[in-house]
Amino acid sequence: MASWIDIFSLLMTTLFFVGVVLGVLYASQAFSSSVQSTKASLEQRGITLSRDGVSLKTQKRFDREAYLDATQRGLVKALGAATVGPESHKQAVLPPAAEERDKWRVFGMALRKSHGDERSGGRQ
């Protein structure tokens, strides 16, 4: 016959395993509810998560002109970041700034810049 110590040990071991199972269930339920609340807050901001991926809700649409401008700005920034070497080399590769372009306009017409001195208009 089992003594009271054996019964007490069996009861404590059973309670321990039941506690572990209940703890795991509670933790998984808390994690699931936090994921759902995060998903709901992201959907309020316009970000939708699904199995297929992420979709963003925007208020404005780009027309072709705005899309091309944004793409060109990105390419010029990438070109500027990728250029290595002295400043004179960067000036030869990068397009001139708006102030520099305005210096080369005469009567509304753009002048071509040669490889000469910048102040002499290309004459050497």
PDB file of N, CA and C in Angstrom:
ATOM      1  N   MET A   1       0.838  -1.170   0.000  1.00  0.00           N
ATOM      2  CA  MET A   1       0.000   0.000   0.000  1.00  0.00           C
ATOM      3  C   MET A   1       0.887   1.239   0.000  1.00  0.00           C
ATOM      4  N   ALA A   2       0.393   2.267  -0.665  1.00  0.00           N
ATOM      5  CA  ALA A   2       1.162   3.494  -0.804  1.00  0.00           C
ATOM      6  C   ALA A   2       1.039   4.316   0.469  1.00  0.00           C
ATOM      7  N   SER A   3       2.144   4.902   0.826  1.00  0.00           N
ATOM      8  CA  SER A   3       2.134   5.752   2.027  1.00  0.00           C
ATOM      9  C   SER A   3       1.684   7.155   1.640  1.00  0.00           C
ATOM     10  N   TRP A   4       1.504   7.982   2.626  1.00  0.00           N
ATOM     11  CA  TRP A   4       1.038   9.360   2.377  1.00  0.00           C
ATOM     12  C   TRP A   4       2.086  10.173   1.619  1.00  0.00           C
ATOM     13  N   ILE A   5       3.364   9.841   1.745  1.00  0.00           N
ATOM     14  CA  ILE A   5       4.424  10.541   1.020  1.00  0.00           C
ATOM     15  C   ILE A   5       4.315  10.230  -0.473  1.00  0.00           C
ATOM     16  N   ASP A   6       3.999   8.976  -0.822  1.00  0.00           N
ATOM     17  CA  ASP A   6       3.845   8.601  -2.231  1.00  0.00           C
ATOM     18  C   ASP A   6       2.649   9.340  -2.860  1.00  0.00           C
ATOM     19  N   ILE A   7       1.566   9.416  -2.134  1.00  0.00           N
ATOM     20  CA  ILE A   7       0.381  10.108  -2.634  1.00  0.00           C
ATOM     21  C   ILE A   7       0.662  11.605  -2.785  1.00  0.00           C
ATOM     22  N   PHE A   8       1.353  12.175  -1.806  1.00  0.00           N
ATOM     23  CA  PHE A   8       1.708  13.598  -1.861  1.00  0.00           C
ATOM     24  C   PHE A   8       2.645  13.881  -3.050  1.00  0.00           C
ATOM     25  N   SER A   9       3.618  13.006  -3.283  1.00  0.00           N
ATOM     26  CA  SER A   9       4.544  13.175  -4.411  1.00  0.00           C
ATOM     27  C   SER A   9       3.800  13.082  -5.746  1.00  0.00           C
ATOM     28  N   LEU A  10       2.883  12.118  -5.867  1.00  0.00           N
ATOM     29  CA  LEU A  10       2.098  11.974  -7.082  1.00  0.00           C
ATOM     30  C   LEU A  10       1.238  13.221  -7.328  1.00  0.00           C
ATOM     31  N   LEU A  11       0.622  13.711  -6.278  1.00  0.00           N
ATOM     32  CA  LEU A  11      -0.215  14.902  -6.389  1.00  0.00           C
ATOM     33  C   LEU A  11       0.615  16.130  -6.793  1.00  0.00           C
ATOM     34  N   MET A  12       1.773  16.323  -6.209  1.00  0.00           N
ATOM     35  CA  MET A  12       2.646  17.456  -6.530  1.00  0.00           C
ATOM     36  C   MET A  12       3.179  17.356  -7.969  1.00  0.00           C
ATOM     37  N   THR A  13       3.552  16.174  -8.402  1.00  0.00           N
ATOM     38  CA  THR A  13       4.050  15.989  -9.764  1.00  0.00           C
ATOM     39  C   THR A  13       2.931  16.269 -10.777  1.00  0.00           C
ATOM     40  N   THR A  14       1.731  15.763 -10.485  1.00  0.00           N
ATOM     41  CA  THR A  14       0.589  16.010 -11.376  1.00  0.00           C
ATOM     42  C   THR A  14       0.268  17.499 -11.437  1.00  0.00           C
ATOM     43  N   LEU A  15       0.254  18.168 -10.301  1.00  0.00           N
ATOM     44  CA  LEU A  15      -0.009  19.609 -10.264  1.00  0.00           C
ATOM     45  C   LEU A  15       1.070  20.396 -11.030  1.00  0.00           C
ATOM     46  N   PHE A  16       2.312  19.968 -10.934  1.00  0.00           N
ATOM     47  CA  PHE A  16       3.390  20.645 -11.644  1.00  0.00           C
ATOM     48  C   PHE A  16       3.178  20.567 -13.159  1.00  0.00           C
ATOM     49  N   PHE A  17       2.893  19.374 -13.673  1.00  0.00           N
ATOM     50  CA  PHE A  17       2.700  19.214 -15.116  1.00  0.00           C
ATOM     51  C   PHE A  17       1.432  19.927 -15.605  1.00  0.00           C
ATOM     52  N   VAL A  18       0.375  19.900 -14.817  1.00  0.00           N
ATOM     53  CA  VAL A  18      -0.843  20.624 -15.177  1.00  0.00           C
ATOM     54  C   VAL A  18      -0.549  22.128 -15.196  1.00  0.00           C
ATOM     55  N   GLY A  19       0.242  22.615 -14.247  1.00  0.00           N
ATOM     56  CA  GLY A  19       0.622  24.033 -14.213  1.00  0.00           C
ATOM     57  C   GLY A  19       1.449  24.427 -15.431  1.00  0.00           C
ATOM     58  N   VAL A  20       2.370  23.562 -15.839  1.00  0.00           N
ATOM     59  CA  VAL A  20       3.189  23.848 -17.018  1.00  0.00           C
ATOM     60  C   VAL A  20       2.309  23.914 -18.265  1.00  0.00           C
ATOM     61  N   VAL A  21       1.394  22.993 -18.417  1.00  0.00           N
ATOM     62  CA  VAL A  21       0.503  22.981 -19.579  1.00  0.00           C
ATOM     63  C   VAL A  21      -0.373  24.230 -19.578  1.00  0.00           C
ATOM     64  N   LEU A  22      -0.942  24.591 -18.433  1.00  0.00           N
ATOM     65  CA  LEU A  22      -1.767  25.794 -18.356  1.00  0.00           C
ATOM     66  C   LEU A  22      -0.947  27.056 -18.619  1.00  0.00           C
ATOM     67  N   GLY A  23       0.291  27.094 -18.149  1.00  0.00           N
ATOM     68  CA  GLY A  23       1.165  28.240 -18.416  1.00  0.00           C
ATOM     69  C   GLY A  23       1.473  28.401 -19.890  1.00  0.00           C
ATOM     70  N   VAL A  24       1.738  27.288 -20.579  1.00  0.00           N
ATOM     71  CA  VAL A  24       1.999  27.334 -22.015  1.00  0.00           C
ATOM     72  C   VAL A  24       0.748  27.799 -22.768  1.00  0.00           C
ATOM     73  N   LEU A  25      -0.418  27.300 -22.378  1.00  0.00           N
ATOM     74  CA  LEU A  25      -1.663  27.730 -23.019  1.00  0.00           C
ATOM     75  C   LEU A  25      -1.909  29.226 -22.795  1.00  0.00           C
ATOM     76  N   TYR A  26      -1.686  29.715 -21.593  1.00  0.00           N
ATOM     77  CA  TYR A  26      -1.877  31.141 -21.288  1.00  0.00           C
ATOM     78  C   TYR A  26      -0.899  32.007 -22.081  1.00  0.00           C
ATOM     79  N   ALA A  27       0.365  31.584 -22.168  1.00  0.00           N
ATOM     80  CA  ALA A  27       1.375  32.356 -22.908  1.00  0.00           C
ATOM     81  C   ALA A  27       1.039  32.394 -24.398  1.00  0.00           C
ATOM     82  N   SER A  28       0.601  31.275 -24.953  1.00  0.00           N
ATOM     83  CA  SER A  28       0.253  31.270 -26.377  1.00  0.00           C
ATOM     84  C   SER A  28      -0.973  32.131 -26.644  1.00  0.00           C
ATOM     85  N   GLN A  29      -1.944  32.126 -25.738  1.00  0.00           N
ATOM     86  CA  GLN A  29      -3.121  32.960 -25.909  1.00  0.00           C
ATOM     87  C   GLN A  29      -2.753  34.444 -25.785  1.00  0.00           C
ATOM     88  N   ALA A  30      -1.876  34.801 -24.853  1.00  0.00           N
ATOM     89  CA  ALA A  30      -1.436  36.194 -24.708  1.00  0.00           C
ATOM     90  C   ALA A  30      -0.662  36.649 -25.943  1.00  0.00           C
ATOM     91  N   PHE A  31       0.183  35.799 -26.477  1.00  0.00           N
ATOM     92  CA  PHE A  31       0.941  36.127 -27.678  1.00  0.00           C
ATOM     93  C   PHE A  31       0.001  36.327 -28.872  1.00  0.00           C
ATOM     94  N   SER A  32      -0.968  35.446 -29.017  1.00  0.00           N
ATOM     95  CA  SER A  32      -1.918  35.544 -30.115  1.00  0.00           C
ATOM     96  C   SER A  32      -2.737  36.835 -30.021  1.00  0.00           C
ATOM     97  N   SER A  33      -3.165  37.202 -28.822  1.00  0.00           N
ATOM     98  CA  SER A  33      -3.945  38.438 -28.679  1.00  0.00           C
ATOM     99  C   SER A  33      -3.081  39.673 -28.933  1.00  0.00           C
ATOM    100  N   SER A  34      -1.803  39.634 -28.563  1.00  0.00           N
ATOM    101  CA  SER A  34      -0.937  40.779 -28.843  1.00  0.00           C
ATOM    102  C   SER A  34      -0.665  40.906 -30.345  1.00  0.00           C
ATOM    103  N   VAL A  35      -0.550  39.793 -31.051  1.00  0.00           N
ATOM    104  CA  VAL A  35      -0.372  39.826 -32.498  1.00  0.00           C
ATOM    105  C   VAL A  35      -1.614  40.413 -33.156  1.00  0.00           C
ATOM    106  N   GLN A  36      -2.800  40.014 -32.689  1.00  0.00           N
ATOM    107  CA  GLN A  36      -4.044  40.536 -33.260  1.00  0.00           C
ATOM    108  C   GLN A  36      -4.195  42.033 -33.003  1.00  0.00           C
ATOM    109  N   SER A  37      -3.825  42.497 -31.804  1.00  0.00           N
ATOM    110  CA  SER A  37      -3.936  43.933 -31.524  1.00  0.00           C
ATOM    111  C   SER A  37      -2.925  44.731 -32.348  1.00  0.00           C
ATOM    112  N   THR A  38      -1.726  44.184 -32.544  1.00  0.00           N
ATOM    113  CA  THR A  38      -0.738  44.852 -33.383  1.00  0.00           C
ATOM    114  C   THR A  38      -1.213  44.904 -34.830  1.00  0.00           C
ATOM    115  N   LYS A  39      -1.800  43.823 -35.303  1.00  0.00           N
ATOM    116  CA  LYS A  39      -2.326  43.784 -36.667  1.00  0.00           C
ATOM    117  C   LYS A  39      -3.437  44.818 -36.835  1.00  0.00           C
ATOM    118  N   ALA A  40      -4.295  44.951 -35.843  1.00  0.00           N
ATOM    119  CA  ALA A  40      -5.392  45.926 -35.918  1.00  0.00           C
ATOM    120  C   ALA A  40      -4.855  47.355 -35.926  1.00  0.00           C
ATOM    121  N   SER A  41      -3.837  47.634 -35.104  1.00  0.00           N
ATOM    122  CA  SER A  41      -3.277  48.992 -35.084  1.00  0.00           C
ATOM    123  C   SER A  41      -2.558  49.317 -36.399  1.00  0.00           C
ATOM    124  N   LEU A  42      -1.912  48.329 -37.007  1.00  0.00           N
ATOM    125  CA  LEU A  42      -1.276  48.553 -38.307  1.00  0.00           C
ATOM    126  C   LEU A  42      -2.320  48.786 -39.394  1.00  0.00           C
ATOM    127  N   GLU A  43      -3.439  48.081 -39.324  1.00  0.00           N
ATOM    128  CA  GLU A  43      -4.500  48.282 -40.311  1.00  0.00           C
ATOM    129  C   GLU A  43      -5.109  49.675 -40.183  1.00  0.00           C
ATOM    130  N   GLN A  44      -5.150  50.213 -38.968  1.00  0.00           N
ATOM    131  CA  GLN A  44      -5.650  51.584 -38.786  1.00  0.00           C
ATOM    132  C   GLN A  44      -4.712  52.590 -39.441  1.00  0.00           C
ATOM    133  N   ARG A  45      -3.431  52.281 -39.494  1.00  0.00           N
ATOM    134  CA  ARG A  45      -2.455  53.167 -40.132  1.00  0.00           C
ATOM    135  C   ARG A  45      -2.337  52.931 -41.634  1.00  0.00           C
ATOM    136  N   GLY A  46      -3.027  51.930 -42.166  1.00  0.00           N
ATOM    137  CA  GLY A  46      -3.012  51.705 -43.600  1.00  0.00           C
ATOM    138  C   GLY A  46      -2.080  50.592 -44.043  1.00  0.00           C
ATOM    139  N   ILE A  47      -1.587  49.788 -43.115  1.00  0.00           N
ATOM    140  CA  ILE A  47      -0.685  48.681 -43.455  1.00  0.00           C
ATOM    141  C   ILE A  47      -1.439  47.381 -43.197  1.00  0.00           C
ATOM    142  N   THR A  48      -1.593  46.571 -44.239  1.00  0.00           N
ATOM    143  CA  THR A  48      -2.337  45.326 -44.110  1.00  0.00           C
ATOM    144  C   THR A  48      -1.379  44.155 -44.278  1.00  0.00           C
ATOM    145  N   LEU A  49      -1.379  43.249 -43.297  1.00  0.00           N
ATOM    146  CA  LEU A  49      -0.542  42.051 -43.339  1.00  0.00           C
ATOM    147  C   LEU A  49      -1.407  40.856 -43.716  1.00  0.00           C
ATOM    148  N   SER A  50      -0.902  40.034 -44.622  1.00  0.00           N
ATOM    149  CA  SER A  50      -1.601  38.814 -45.001  1.00  0.00           C
ATOM    150  C   SER A  50      -0.570  37.739 -45.315  1.00  0.00           C
ATOM    151  N   ARG A  51      -1.064  36.572 -45.701  1.00  0.00           N
ATOM    152  CA  ARG A  51      -0.144  35.494 -46.061  1.00  0.00           C
ATOM    153  C   ARG A  51       0.626  35.818 -47.334  1.00  0.00           C
ATOM    154  N   ASP A  52       0.013  36.618 -48.204  1.00  0.00           N
ATOM    155  CA  ASP A  52       0.649  36.964 -49.473  1.00  0.00           C
ATOM    156  C   ASP A  52       1.722  38.024 -49.323  1.00  0.00           C
ATOM    157  N   GLY A  53       1.685  38.805 -48.251  1.00  0.00           N
ATOM    158  CA  GLY A  53       2.677  39.849 -48.048  1.00  0.00           C
ATOM    159  C   GLY A  53       2.076  41.053 -47.362  1.00  0.00           C
ATOM    160  N   VAL A  54       2.676  42.214 -47.594  1.00  0.00           N
ATOM    161  CA  VAL A  54       2.269  43.456 -46.973  1.00  0.00           C
ATOM    162  C   VAL A  54       1.739  44.387 -48.050  1.00  0.00           C
ATOM    163  N   SER A  55       0.637  45.060 -47.758  1.00  0.00           N
ATOM    164  CA  SER A  55       0.127  46.066 -48.687  1.00  0.00           C
ATOM    165  C   SER A  55      -0.055  47.377 -47.933  1.00  0.00           C
ATOM    166  N   LEU A  56       0.298  48.467 -48.602  1.00  0.00           N
ATOM    167  CA  LEU A  56       0.199  49.792 -48.012  1.00  0.00           C
ATOM    168  C   LEU A  56      -0.919  50.563 -48.680  1.00  0.00           C
ATOM    169  N   LYS A  57      -1.698  51.251 -47.863  1.00  0.00           N
ATOM    170  CA  LYS A  57      -2.781  52.078 -48.384  1.00  0.00           C
ATOM    171  C   LYS A  57      -2.286  53.513 -48.422  1.00  0.00           C
ATOM    172  N   THR A  58      -2.314  54.124 -49.599  1.00  0.00           N
ATOM    173  CA  THR A  58      -1.879  55.509 -49.740  1.00  0.00           C
ATOM    174  C   THR A  58      -3.059  56.362 -50.158  1.00  0.00           C
ATOM    175  N   GLN A  59      -2.971  57.651 -49.871  1.00  0.00           N
ATOM    176  CA  GLN A  59      -4.056  58.565 -50.177  1.00  0.00           C
ATOM    177  C   GLN A  59      -3.918  59.194 -51.560  1.00  0.00           C
ATOM    178  N   LYS A  60      -2.707  59.271 -52.095  1.00  0.00           N
ATOM    179  CA  LYS A  60      -2.554  59.917 -53.387  1.00  0.00           C
ATOM    180  C   LYS A  60      -1.941  58.947 -54.387  1.00  0.00           C
ATOM    181  N   ARG A  61      -2.208  59.223 -55.630  1.00  0.00           N
ATOM    182  CA  ARG A  61      -1.667  58.401 -56.703  1.00  0.00           C
ATOM    183  C   ARG A  61      -0.642  59.223 -57.467  1.00  0.00           C
ATOM    184  N   PHE A  62       0.381  58.542 -57.941  1.00  0.00           N
ATOM    185  CA  PHE A  62       1.386  59.193 -58.758  1.00  0.00           C
ATOM    186  C   PHE A  62       0.972  59.111 -60.218  1.00  0.00           C
ATOM    187  N   ASP A  63       1.100  60.221 -60.907  1.00  0.00           N
ATOM    188  CA  ASP A  63       0.941  60.147 -62.352  1.00  0.00           C
ATOM    189  C   ASP A  63       2.302  59.805 -62.953  1.00  0.00           C
ATOM    190  N   ARG A  64       2.346  59.645 -64.237  1.00  0.00           N
ATOM    191  CA  ARG A  64       3.587  59.217 -64.875  1.00  0.00           C
ATOM    192  C   ARG A  64       4.710  60.215 -64.647  1.00  0.00           C
ATOM    193  N   GLU A  65       4.397  61.508 -64.736  1.00  0.00           N
ATOM    194  CA  GLU A  65       5.420  62.545 -64.575  1.00  0.00           C
ATOM    195  C   GLU A  65       6.038  62.502 -63.173  1.00  0.00           C
ATOM    196  N   ALA A  66       5.185  62.399 -62.142  1.00  0.00           N
ATOM    197  CA  ALA A  66       5.700  62.350 -60.768  1.00  0.00           C
ATOM    198  C   ALA A  66       6.520  61.079 -60.542  1.00  0.00           C
ATOM    199  N   TYR A  67       6.081  59.969 -61.126  1.00  0.00           N
ATOM    200  CA  TYR A  67       6.818  58.717 -60.994  1.00  0.00           C
ATOM    201  C   TYR A  67       8.199  58.828 -61.634  1.00  0.00           C
ATOM    202  N   LEU A  68       8.266  59.404 -62.830  1.00  0.00           N
ATOM    203  CA  LEU A  68       9.560  59.562 -63.503  1.00  0.00           C
ATOM    204  C   LEU A  68      10.464  60.527 -62.743  1.00  0.00           C
ATOM    205  N   ASP A  69       9.905  61.616 -62.211  1.00  0.00           N
ATOM    206  CA  ASP A  69      10.716  62.551 -61.426  1.00  0.00           C
ATOM    207  C   ASP A  69      11.302  61.879 -60.195  1.00  0.00           C
ATOM    208  N   ALA A  70      10.475  61.121 -59.488  1.00  0.00           N
ATOM    209  CA  ALA A  70      10.961  60.438 -58.295  1.00  0.00           C
ATOM    210  C   ALA A  70      12.026  59.406 -58.644  1.00  0.00           C
ATOM    211  N   THR A  71      11.842  58.704 -59.749  1.00  0.00           N
ATOM    212  CA  THR A  71      12.830  57.713 -60.172  1.00  0.00           C
ATOM    213  C   THR A  71      14.144  58.380 -60.548  1.00  0.00           C
ATOM    214  N   GLN A  72      14.067  59.494 -61.267  1.00  0.00           N
ATOM    215  CA  GLN A  72      15.291  60.202 -61.657  1.00  0.00           C
ATOM    216  C   GLN A  72      16.009  60.759 -60.437  1.00  0.00           C
ATOM    217  N   ARG A  73      15.260  61.290 -59.467  1.00  0.00           N
ATOM    218  CA  ARG A  73      15.903  61.785 -58.238  1.00  0.00           C
ATOM    219  C   ARG A  73      16.635  60.664 -57.523  1.00  0.00           C
ATOM    220  N   GLY A  74      15.995  59.493 -57.472  1.00  0.00           N
ATOM    221  CA  GLY A  74      16.638  58.354 -56.828  1.00  0.00           C
ATOM    222  C   GLY A  74      17.896  57.923 -57.554  1.00  0.00           C
ATOM    223  N   LEU A  75      17.860  57.921 -58.874  1.00  0.00           N
ATOM    224  CA  LEU A  75      19.047  57.540 -59.636  1.00  0.00           C
ATOM    225  C   LEU A  75      20.179  58.547 -59.463  1.00  0.00           C
ATOM    226  N   VAL A  76      19.858  59.836 -59.441  1.00  0.00           N
ATOM    227  CA  VAL A  76      20.902  60.846 -59.262  1.00  0.00           C
ATOM    228  C   VAL A  76      21.504  60.737 -57.868  1.00  0.00           C
ATOM    229  N   LYS A  77      20.680  60.472 -56.864  1.00  0.00           N
ATOM    230  CA  LYS A  77      21.210  60.282 -55.504  1.00  0.00           C
ATOM    231  C   LYS A  77      22.108  59.053 -55.445  1.00  0.00           C
ATOM    232  N   ALA A  78      21.686  57.977 -56.096  1.00  0.00           N
ATOM    233  CA  ALA A  78      22.506  56.760 -56.105  1.00  0.00           C
ATOM    234  C   ALA A  78      23.814  57.003 -56.839  1.00  0.00           C
ATOM    235  N   LEU A  79      23.767  57.742 -57.927  1.00  0.00           N
ATOM    236  CA  LEU A  79      24.980  58.062 -58.672  1.00  0.00           C
ATOM    237  C   LEU A  79      25.925  58.906 -57.823  1.00  0.00           C
ATOM    238  N   GLY A  80      25.362  59.864 -57.102  1.00  0.00           N
ATOM    239  CA  GLY A  80      26.187  60.700 -56.234  1.00  0.00           C
ATOM    240  C   GLY A  80      26.810  59.916 -55.102  1.00  0.00           C
ATOM    241  N   ALA A  81      26.089  58.942 -54.575  1.00  0.00           N
ATOM    242  CA  ALA A  81      26.620  58.127 -53.487  1.00  0.00           C
ATOM    243  C   ALA A  81      27.654  57.129 -53.992  1.00  0.00           C
ATOM    244  N   ALA A  82      27.540  56.727 -55.258  1.00  0.00           N
ATOM    245  CA  ALA A  82      28.437  55.705 -55.789  1.00  0.00           C
ATOM    246  C   ALA A  82      29.719  56.280 -56.374  1.00  0.00           C
ATOM    247  N   THR A  83      29.777  57.590 -56.585  1.00  0.00           N
ATOM    248  CA  THR A  83      30.957  58.189 -57.185  1.00  0.00           C
ATOM    249  C   THR A  83      32.088  58.228 -56.165  1.00  0.00           C
ATOM    250  N   VAL A  84      33.240  57.734 -56.574  1.00  0.00           N
ATOM    251  CA  VAL A  84      34.409  57.695 -55.701  1.00  0.00           C
ATOM    252  C   VAL A  84      35.512  58.496 -56.360  1.00  0.00           C
ATOM    253  N   GLY A  85      36.199  59.289 -55.597  1.00  0.00           N
ATOM    254  CA  GLY A  85      37.313  60.034 -56.159  1.00  0.00           C
ATOM    255  C   GLY A  85      37.295  61.476 -55.708  1.00  0.00           C
ATOM    256  N   PRO A  86      38.186  62.289 -56.298  1.00  0.00           N
ATOM    257  CA  PRO A  86      38.261  63.690 -55.899  1.00  0.00           C
ATOM    258  C   PRO A  86      37.022  64.461 -56.354  1.00  0.00           C
ATOM    259  N   GLU A  87      36.841  65.655 -55.799  1.00  0.00           N
ATOM    260  CA  GLU A  87      35.681  66.470 -56.118  1.00  0.00           C
ATOM    261  C   GLU A  87      35.627  66.833 -57.600  1.00  0.00           C
ATOM    262  N   SER A  88      36.784  67.046 -58.232  1.00  0.00           N
ATOM    263  CA  SER A  88      36.775  67.400 -59.647  1.00  0.00           C
ATOM    264  C   SER A  88      36.183  66.261 -60.478  1.00  0.00           C
ATOM    265  N   HIS A  89      36.445  65.031 -60.097  1.00  0.00           N
ATOM    266  CA  HIS A  89      35.880  63.886 -60.807  1.00  0.00           C
ATOM    267  C   HIS A  89      34.369  63.832 -60.599  1.00  0.00           C
ATOM    268  N   LYS A  90      33.910  64.120 -59.388  1.00  0.00           N
ATOM    269  CA  LYS A  90      32.478  64.102 -59.115  1.00  0.00           C
ATOM    270  C   LYS A  90      31.769  65.184 -59.915  1.00  0.00           C
ATOM    271  N   GLN A  91      32.378  66.342 -60.058  1.00  0.00           N
ATOM    272  CA  GLN A  91      31.758  67.417 -60.818  1.00  0.00           C
ATOM    273  C   GLN A  91      31.628  67.042 -62.286  1.00  0.00           C
ATOM    274  N   ALA A  92      32.560  66.257 -62.802  1.00  0.00           N
ATOM    275  CA  ALA A  92      32.501  65.860 -64.206  1.00  0.00           C
ATOM    276  C   ALA A  92      31.403  64.825 -64.442  1.00  0.00           C
ATOM    277  N   VAL A  93      31.066  64.031 -63.412  1.00  0.00           N
ATOM    278  CA  VAL A  93      30.096  62.961 -63.580  1.00  0.00           C
ATOM    279  C   VAL A  93      28.682  63.410 -63.252  1.00  0.00           C
ATOM    280  N   LEU A  94      28.518  64.178 -62.180  1.00  0.00           N
ATOM    281  CA  LEU A  94      27.194  64.558 -61.725  1.00  0.00           C
ATOM    282  C   LEU A  94      26.647  65.727 -62.527  1.00  0.00           C
ATOM    283  N   PRO A  95      25.332  65.792 -62.698  1.00  0.00           N
ATOM    284  CA  PRO A  95      24.745  66.940 -63.390  1.00  0.00           C
ATOM    285  C   PRO A  95      24.895  68.192 -62.536  1.00  0.00           C
ATOM    286  N   PRO A  96      24.951  69.373 -63.144  1.00  0.00           N
ATOM    287  CA  PRO A  96      25.150  70.596 -62.366  1.00  0.00           C
ATOM    288  C   PRO A  96      23.925  70.934 -61.530  1.00  0.00           C
ATOM    289  N   ALA A  97      24.158  71.663 -60.443  1.00  0.00           N
ATOM    290  CA  ALA A  97      23.076  72.094 -59.587  1.00  0.00           C
ATOM    291  C   ALA A  97      22.260  73.160 -60.307  1.00  0.00           C
ATOM    292  N   ALA A  98      21.107  73.514 -59.762  1.00  0.00           N
ATOM    293  CA  ALA A  98      20.208  74.470 -60.415  1.00  0.00           C
ATOM    294  C   ALA A  98      20.875  75.833 -60.560  1.00  0.00           C
ATOM    295  N   GLU A  99      21.642  76.263 -59.544  1.00  0.00           N
ATOM    296  CA  GLU A  99      22.310  77.557 -59.628  1.00  0.00           C
ATOM    297  C   GLU A  99      23.348  77.562 -60.750  1.00  0.00           C
ATOM    298  N   GLU A 100      24.052  76.459 -60.902  1.00  0.00           N
ATOM    299  CA  GLU A 100      25.070  76.337 -61.942  1.00  0.00           C
ATOM    300  C   GLU A 100      24.429  76.333 -63.328  1.00  0.00           C
ATOM    301  N   ARG A 101      23.294  75.675 -63.459  1.00  0.00           N
ATOM    302  CA  ARG A 101      22.606  75.653 -64.748  1.00  0.00           C
ATOM    303  C   ARG A 101      22.131  77.046 -65.134  1.00  0.00           C
ATOM    304  N   ASP A 102      21.664  77.822 -64.144  1.00  0.00           N
ATOM    305  CA  ASP A 102      21.156  79.163 -64.442  1.00  0.00           C
ATOM    306  C   ASP A 102      22.257  80.102 -64.914  1.00  0.00           C
ATOM    307  N   LYS A 103      23.496  79.872 -64.517  1.00  0.00           N
ATOM    308  CA  LYS A 103      24.609  80.714 -64.958  1.00  0.00           C
ATOM    309  C   LYS A 103      24.839  80.591 -66.462  1.00  0.00           C
ATOM    310  N   TRP A 104      24.478  79.458 -67.026  1.00  0.00           N
ATOM    311  CA  TRP A 104      24.774  79.203 -68.428  1.00  0.00           C
ATOM    312  C   TRP A 104      23.593  79.518 -69.337  1.00  0.00           C
ATOM    313  N   ARG A 105      22.607  80.248 -68.856  1.00  0.00           N
ATOM    314  CA  ARG A 105      21.460  80.630 -69.683  1.00  0.00           C
ATOM    315  C   ARG A 105      21.624  82.082 -70.128  1.00  0.00           C
ATOM    316  N   VAL A 106      21.439  82.314 -71.414  1.00  0.00           N
ATOM    317  CA  VAL A 106      21.509  83.659 -71.980  1.00  0.00           C
ATOM    318  C   VAL A 106      20.251  83.854 -72.818  1.00  0.00           C
ATOM    319  N   PHE A 107      19.474  84.871 -72.503  1.00  0.00           N
ATOM    320  CA  PHE A 107      18.234  85.177 -73.211  1.00  0.00           C
ATOM    321  C   PHE A 107      17.300  83.969 -73.283  1.00  0.00           C
ATOM    322  N   GLY A 108      17.238  83.194 -72.198  1.00  0.00           N
ATOM    323  CA  GLY A 108      16.345  82.045 -72.147  1.00  0.00           C
ATOM    324  C   GLY A 108      16.852  80.820 -72.870  1.00  0.00           C
ATOM    325  N   MET A 109      18.052  80.875 -73.445  1.00  0.00           N
ATOM    326  CA  MET A 109      18.603  79.724 -74.163  1.00  0.00           C
ATOM    327  C   MET A 109      19.787  79.172 -73.384  1.00  0.00           C
ATOM    328  N   ALA A 110      19.911  77.882 -73.351  1.00  0.00           N
ATOM    329  CA  ALA A 110      21.016  77.256 -72.648  1.00  0.00           C
ATOM    330  C   ALA A 110      22.239  77.204 -73.544  1.00  0.00           C
ATOM    331  N   LEU A 111      23.390  77.542 -72.981  1.00  0.00           N
ATOM    332  CA  LEU A 111      24.649  77.444 -73.711  1.00  0.00           C
ATOM    333  C   LEU A 111      25.318  76.127 -73.367  1.00  0.00           C
ATOM    334  N   ARG A 112      26.049  75.564 -74.290  1.00  0.00           N
ATOM    335  CA  ARG A 112      26.790  74.339 -74.032  1.00  0.00           C
ATOM    336  C   ARG A 112      28.083  74.677 -73.333  1.00  0.00           C
ATOM    337  N   LYS A 113      28.462  73.841 -72.400  1.00  0.00           N
ATOM    338  CA  LYS A 113      29.702  74.051 -71.670  1.00  0.00           C
ATOM    339  C   LYS A 113      30.773  73.142 -72.256  1.00  0.00           C
ATOM    340  N   SER A 114      31.919  73.736 -72.651  1.00  0.00           N
ATOM    341  CA  SER A 114      33.025  72.946 -73.176  1.00  0.00           C
ATOM    342  C   SER A 114      33.933  72.508 -72.041  1.00  0.00           C
ATOM    343  N   HIS A 115      35.031  71.919 -72.412  1.00  0.00           N
ATOM    344  CA  HIS A 115      35.978  71.437 -71.421  1.00  0.00           C
ATOM    345  C   HIS A 115      36.957  72.515 -70.987  1.00  0.00           C
ATOM    346  N   GLY A 116      36.712  73.739 -71.287  1.00  0.00           N
ATOM    347  CA  GLY A 116      37.641  74.812 -70.926  1.00  0.00           C
ATOM    348  C   GLY A 116      37.333  75.379 -69.552  1.00  0.00           C
ATOM    349  N   ASP A 117      37.795  76.589 -69.343  1.00  0.00           N
ATOM    350  CA  ASP A 117      37.587  77.285 -68.077  1.00  0.00           C
ATOM    351  C   ASP A 117      36.102  77.621 -67.958  1.00  0.00           C
ATOM    352  N   GLU A 118      35.533  77.433 -66.781  1.00  0.00           N
ATOM    353  CA  GLU A 118      34.116  77.647 -66.579  1.00  0.00           C
ATOM    354  C   GLU A 118      33.758  79.111 -66.725  1.00  0.00           C
ATOM    355  N   ARG A 119      34.619  80.038 -66.259  1.00  0.00           N
ATOM    356  CA  ARG A 119      34.283  81.451 -66.305  1.00  0.00           C
ATOM    357  C   ARG A 119      34.433  82.041 -67.710  1.00  0.00           C
ATOM    358  N   SER A 120      35.219  81.459 -68.539  1.00  0.00           N
ATOM    359  CA  SER A 120      35.423  82.000 -69.892  1.00  0.00           C
ATOM    360  C   SER A 120      34.414  81.404 -70.897  1.00  0.00           C
ATOM    361  N   GLY A 121      33.474  80.597 -70.400  1.00  0.00           N
ATOM    362  CA  GLY A 121      32.460  80.048 -71.297  1.00  0.00           C
ATOM    363  C   GLY A 121      33.014  78.980 -72.206  1.00  0.00           C
ATOM    364  N   GLY A 122      34.067  78.325 -71.832  1.00  0.00           N
ATOM    365  CA  GLY A 122      34.619  77.244 -72.636  1.00  0.00           C
ATOM    366  C   GLY A 122      35.784  77.677 -73.503  1.00  0.00           C
ATOM    367  N   ARG A 123      36.073  78.984 -73.564  1.00  0.00           N
ATOM    368  CA  ARG A 123      37.209  79.442 -74.380  1.00  0.00           C
ATOM    369  C   ARG A 123      38.504  79.293 -73.587  1.00  0.00           C
ATOM    370  N   GLN A 124      39.540  78.963 -74.262  1.00  0.00           N
ATOM    371  CA  GLN A 124      40.819  78.778 -73.569  1.00  0.00           C
ATOM    372  C   GLN A 124      41.801  79.859 -73.925  1.00  0.00           C
TER     373      GLN A 124
END
